[in-house]
Amino acid sequence: MMLVREVMSKNVEACSTSDSLQQVASKMNTLNVGAIPVVENGQVVGMVTDRDLAVRGLGQGTTQLNDVMSNNIVTISPDASLEEASSIMASHQIRRLPVVENGQIVGMLSLGDLAVREQSNVNAGNALSQISQNDFS
């Protein structure tokens, strides 16, 4: 059984609620990522995606990160199994899962990370199918 810690991205860049939307967008561009966790004192307090910036930020004319980020973030332990991670991602309809240990962010797990491992391809595929079926409803 493979664990989350074996496939997660470990060098996670984050932003804080005091960052401007422009700073967050610039960081996403530099890192070539579509989502960044929002962290305060090492704890995940939200997630912000490029879509959040466009739809909630530009679309609604706000400049505050608190107004565009997602709250009530689902996280996982680095010692959880990939099967558990896949199940959580599918049931919550999410593509990225912050990895938290002792209340602090230690990594990020994406569907792509799951797909990298051959034995996880079925789990990643199942999670993606369940997540994507609601994308076009």
C-alpha atoms as a PDB file:
ATOM      1  CA  MET A   1       0.000   0.000   0.000  1.00  0.00           C
ATOM      2  CA  MET A   2       1.455   3.335  -1.069  1.00  0.00           C
ATOM      3  CA  LEU A   3       1.159   6.386   1.139  1.00  0.00           C
ATOM      4  CA  VAL A   4       0.415  10.004   0.272  1.00  0.00           C
ATOM      5  CA  ARG A   5       3.903  11.063   1.452  1.00  0.00           C
ATOM      6  CA  GLU A   6       5.464   8.895  -1.282  1.00  0.00           C
ATOM      7  CA  VAL A   7       3.899  10.810  -4.183  1.00  0.00           C
ATOM      8  CA  MET A   8       2.934  14.258  -2.849  1.00  0.00           C
ATOM      9  CA  SER A   9       4.676  17.442  -3.951  1.00  0.00           C
ATOM     10  CA  LYS A  10       6.778  18.533  -0.993  1.00  0.00           C
ATOM     11  CA  ASN A  11       7.935  22.033  -1.869  1.00  0.00           C
ATOM     12  CA  VAL A  12       4.572  23.730  -1.701  1.00  0.00           C
ATOM     13  CA  GLU A  13       4.399  27.449  -2.357  1.00  0.00           C
ATOM     14  CA  ALA A  14       1.602  29.222  -0.555  1.00  0.00           C
ATOM     15  CA  CYS A  15       0.119  32.673  -0.279  1.00  0.00           C
ATOM     16  CA  SER A  16      -1.401  34.493   2.676  1.00  0.00           C
ATOM     17  CA  THR A  17      -4.659  36.364   3.077  1.00  0.00           C
ATOM     18  CA  SER A  18      -2.703  39.626   3.001  1.00  0.00           C
ATOM     19  CA  ASP A  19      -1.489  38.960  -0.573  1.00  0.00           C
ATOM     20  CA  SER A  20      -3.174  40.888  -3.358  1.00  0.00           C
ATOM     21  CA  LEU A  21      -4.928  39.078  -6.191  1.00  0.00           C
ATOM     22  CA  GLN A  22      -2.197  40.359  -8.511  1.00  0.00           C
ATOM     23  CA  GLN A  23       0.523  38.850  -6.284  1.00  0.00           C
ATOM     24  CA  VAL A  24      -1.300  35.509  -6.240  1.00  0.00           C
ATOM     25  CA  ALA A  25      -1.788  35.531 -10.018  1.00  0.00           C
ATOM     26  CA  SER A  26       1.882  36.414 -10.517  1.00  0.00           C
ATOM     27  CA  LYS A  27       2.952  33.563  -8.228  1.00  0.00           C
ATOM     28  CA  MET A  28       0.726  31.123 -10.144  1.00  0.00           C
ATOM     29  CA  ASN A  29       2.257  32.308 -13.404  1.00  0.00           C
ATOM     30  CA  THR A  30       5.826  31.995 -12.130  1.00  0.00           C
ATOM     31  CA  LEU A  31       5.212  28.524 -10.667  1.00  0.00           C
ATOM     32  CA  ASN A  32       3.073  27.412 -13.629  1.00  0.00           C
ATOM     33  CA  VAL A  33       0.301  26.181 -11.312  1.00  0.00           C
ATOM     34  CA  GLY A  34      -3.446  26.683 -11.286  1.00  0.00           C
ATOM     35  CA  ALA A  35      -4.008  26.577  -7.539  1.00  0.00           C
ATOM     36  CA  ILE A  36      -2.215  27.752  -4.428  1.00  0.00           C
ATOM     37  CA  PRO A  37      -3.061  27.078  -0.788  1.00  0.00           C
ATOM     38  CA  VAL A  38      -3.720  30.087   1.431  1.00  0.00           C
ATOM     39  CA  VAL A  39      -1.754  29.645   4.639  1.00  0.00           C
ATOM     40  CA  GLU A  40      -1.675  31.581   7.905  1.00  0.00           C
ATOM     41  CA  ASN A  41       0.846  30.543  10.585  1.00  0.00           C
ATOM     42  CA  GLY A  42       1.549  27.348   8.643  1.00  0.00           C
ATOM     43  CA  GLN A  43      -2.097  26.278   8.667  1.00  0.00           C
ATOM     44  CA  VAL A  44      -4.203  25.980   5.533  1.00  0.00           C
ATOM     45  CA  VAL A  45      -7.091  28.443   5.710  1.00  0.00           C
ATOM     46  CA  GLY A  46      -8.131  28.317   2.066  1.00  0.00           C
ATOM     47  CA  MET A  47      -7.322  27.488  -1.538  1.00  0.00           C
ATOM     48  CA  VAL A  48      -7.338  29.833  -4.496  1.00  0.00           C
ATOM     49  CA  THR A  49      -7.422  28.783  -8.138  1.00  0.00           C
ATOM     50  CA  ASP A  50      -6.863  30.647 -11.359  1.00  0.00           C
ATOM     51  CA  ARG A  51     -10.596  30.261 -11.978  1.00  0.00           C
ATOM     52  CA  ASP A  52     -11.343  31.865  -8.580  1.00  0.00           C
ATOM     53  CA  LEU A  53      -9.217  34.850  -9.586  1.00  0.00           C
ATOM     54  CA  ALA A  54     -11.021  35.219 -12.902  1.00  0.00           C
ATOM     55  CA  VAL A  55     -14.614  34.477 -11.918  1.00  0.00           C
ATOM     56  CA  ARG A  56     -14.796  35.703  -8.329  1.00  0.00           C
ATOM     57  CA  GLY A  57     -12.083  38.364  -8.564  1.00  0.00           C
ATOM     58  CA  LEU A  58     -12.362  39.999 -11.972  1.00  0.00           C
ATOM     59  CA  GLY A  59     -15.947  38.886 -12.509  1.00  0.00           C
ATOM     60  CA  GLN A  60     -17.196  40.403  -9.265  1.00  0.00           C
ATOM     61  CA  GLY A  61     -14.741  43.273  -9.061  1.00  0.00           C
ATOM     62  CA  THR A  62     -13.192  42.365  -5.726  1.00  0.00           C
ATOM     63  CA  THR A  63      -9.536  42.809  -4.818  1.00  0.00           C
ATOM     64  CA  GLN A  64      -9.570  40.872  -1.537  1.00  0.00           C
ATOM     65  CA  LEU A  65      -8.174  37.336  -1.457  1.00  0.00           C
ATOM     66  CA  ASN A  66     -10.622  36.440   1.340  1.00  0.00           C
ATOM     67  CA  ASP A  67     -13.476  37.147  -1.102  1.00  0.00           C
ATOM     68  CA  VAL A  68     -12.237  34.771  -3.813  1.00  0.00           C
ATOM     69  CA  MET A  69     -10.605  31.858  -1.992  1.00  0.00           C
ATOM     70  CA  SER A  70     -12.395  28.668  -1.063  1.00  0.00           C
ATOM     71  CA  ASN A  71     -12.840  28.022   2.650  1.00  0.00           C
ATOM     72  CA  ASN A  72     -13.564  24.802   4.554  1.00  0.00           C
ATOM     73  CA  ILE A  73     -10.626  23.042   2.963  1.00  0.00           C
ATOM     74  CA  VAL A  74     -10.422  19.259   3.005  1.00  0.00           C
ATOM     75  CA  THR A  75      -6.942  17.992   3.900  1.00  0.00           C
ATOM     76  CA  ILE A  76      -5.217  14.631   4.279  1.00  0.00           C
ATOM     77  CA  SER A  77      -2.411  13.169   6.371  1.00  0.00           C
ATOM     78  CA  PRO A  78       0.858  12.197   4.676  1.00  0.00           C
ATOM     79  CA  ASP A  79       0.411   8.731   6.216  1.00  0.00           C
ATOM     80  CA  ALA A  80      -2.944   8.131   4.520  1.00  0.00           C
ATOM     81  CA  SER A  81      -3.155   5.613   1.688  1.00  0.00           C
ATOM     82  CA  LEU A  82      -3.456   6.698  -1.931  1.00  0.00           C
ATOM     83  CA  GLU A  83      -6.768   4.839  -2.041  1.00  0.00           C
ATOM     84  CA  GLU A  84      -8.086   7.001   0.801  1.00  0.00           C
ATOM     85  CA  ALA A  85      -6.818  10.147  -0.937  1.00  0.00           C
ATOM     86  CA  SER A  86      -8.494   9.132  -4.188  1.00  0.00           C
ATOM     87  CA  SER A  87     -11.757   8.463  -2.381  1.00  0.00           C
ATOM     88  CA  ILE A  88     -11.647  11.849  -0.607  1.00  0.00           C
ATOM     89  CA  MET A  89     -10.897  13.678  -3.867  1.00  0.00           C
ATOM     90  CA  ALA A  90     -13.778  11.926  -5.610  1.00  0.00           C
ATOM     91  CA  SER A  91     -16.316  12.421  -2.830  1.00  0.00           C
ATOM     92  CA  HIS A  92     -15.466  16.125  -2.412  1.00  0.00           C
ATOM     93  CA  GLN A  93     -15.101  16.772  -6.157  1.00  0.00           C
ATOM     94  CA  ILE A  94     -11.580  18.211  -5.804  1.00  0.00           C
ATOM     95  CA  ARG A  95      -8.430  17.841  -7.899  1.00  0.00           C
ATOM     96  CA  ARG A  96      -5.904  18.978  -5.284  1.00  0.00           C
ATOM     97  CA  LEU A  97      -5.583  17.980  -1.659  1.00  0.00           C
ATOM     98  CA  PRO A  98      -3.370  19.812   0.852  1.00  0.00           C
ATOM     99  CA  VAL A  99      -1.314  17.402   2.967  1.00  0.00           C
ATOM    100  CA  VAL A 100      -1.249  18.406   6.626  1.00  0.00           C
ATOM    101  CA  GLU A 101       0.735  16.993   9.534  1.00  0.00           C
ATOM    102  CA  ASN A 102       0.433  18.318  13.094  1.00  0.00           C
ATOM    103  CA  GLY A 103      -1.696  21.191  11.782  1.00  0.00           C
ATOM    104  CA  GLN A 104       0.999  22.364   9.334  1.00  0.00           C
ATOM    105  CA  ILE A 105       1.023  22.050   5.547  1.00  0.00           C
ATOM    106  CA  VAL A 106       3.740  19.623   4.431  1.00  0.00           C
ATOM    107  CA  GLY A 107       2.719  18.916   0.847  1.00  0.00           C
ATOM    108  CA  MET A 108       0.127  18.920  -1.889  1.00  0.00           C
ATOM    109  CA  LEU A 109      -1.422  15.933  -3.634  1.00  0.00           C
ATOM    110  CA  SER A 110      -2.976  16.289  -7.073  1.00  0.00           C
ATOM    111  CA  LEU A 111      -4.722  13.882  -9.395  1.00  0.00           C
ATOM    112  CA  GLY A 112      -1.543  14.044 -11.480  1.00  0.00           C
ATOM    113  CA  ASP A 113       0.469  12.783  -8.513  1.00  0.00           C
ATOM    114  CA  LEU A 114      -1.896   9.829  -8.198  1.00  0.00           C
ATOM    115  CA  ALA A 115      -1.609   9.069 -11.899  1.00  0.00           C
ATOM    116  CA  VAL A 116       2.206   8.961 -11.758  1.00  0.00           C
ATOM    117  CA  ARG A 117       2.130   5.673  -9.886  1.00  0.00           C
ATOM    118  CA  GLU A 118       1.058   2.771 -12.076  1.00  0.00           C
ATOM    119  CA  GLN A 119      -0.915   1.045  -9.333  1.00  0.00           C
ATOM    120  CA  SER A 120      -2.767   4.291  -8.681  1.00  0.00           C
ATOM    121  CA  ASN A 121      -3.854   4.878 -12.272  1.00  0.00           C
ATOM    122  CA  VAL A 122      -7.178   3.152 -11.645  1.00  0.00           C
ATOM    123  CA  ASN A 123      -7.756   5.207  -8.473  1.00  0.00           C
ATOM    124  CA  ALA A 124      -6.820   8.462 -10.215  1.00  0.00           C
ATOM    125  CA  GLY A 125      -9.030   7.577 -13.166  1.00  0.00           C
ATOM    126  CA  ASN A 126     -11.969   6.771 -10.914  1.00  0.00           C
ATOM    127  CA  ALA A 127     -11.514   9.992  -8.953  1.00  0.00           C
ATOM    128  CA  LEU A 128     -11.244  12.053 -12.146  1.00  0.00           C
ATOM    129  CA  SER A 129     -14.358  10.405 -13.589  1.00  0.00           C
ATOM    130  CA  GLN A 130     -16.365  11.196 -10.489  1.00  0.00           C
ATOM    131  CA  ILE A 131     -15.024  14.749 -10.288  1.00  0.00           C
ATOM    132  CA  SER A 132     -15.508  15.475 -13.998  1.00  0.00           C
ATOM    133  CA  GLN A 133     -19.036  14.137 -14.311  1.00  0.00           C
ATOM    134  CA  ASN A 134     -20.260  17.190 -12.398  1.00  0.00           C
ATOM    135  CA  ASP A 135     -18.133  19.658 -14.409  1.00  0.00           C
ATOM    136  CA  PHE A 136     -20.612  19.764 -17.270  1.00  0.00           C
ATOM    137  CA  SER A 137     -23.935  19.329 -15.497  1.00  0.00           C
END
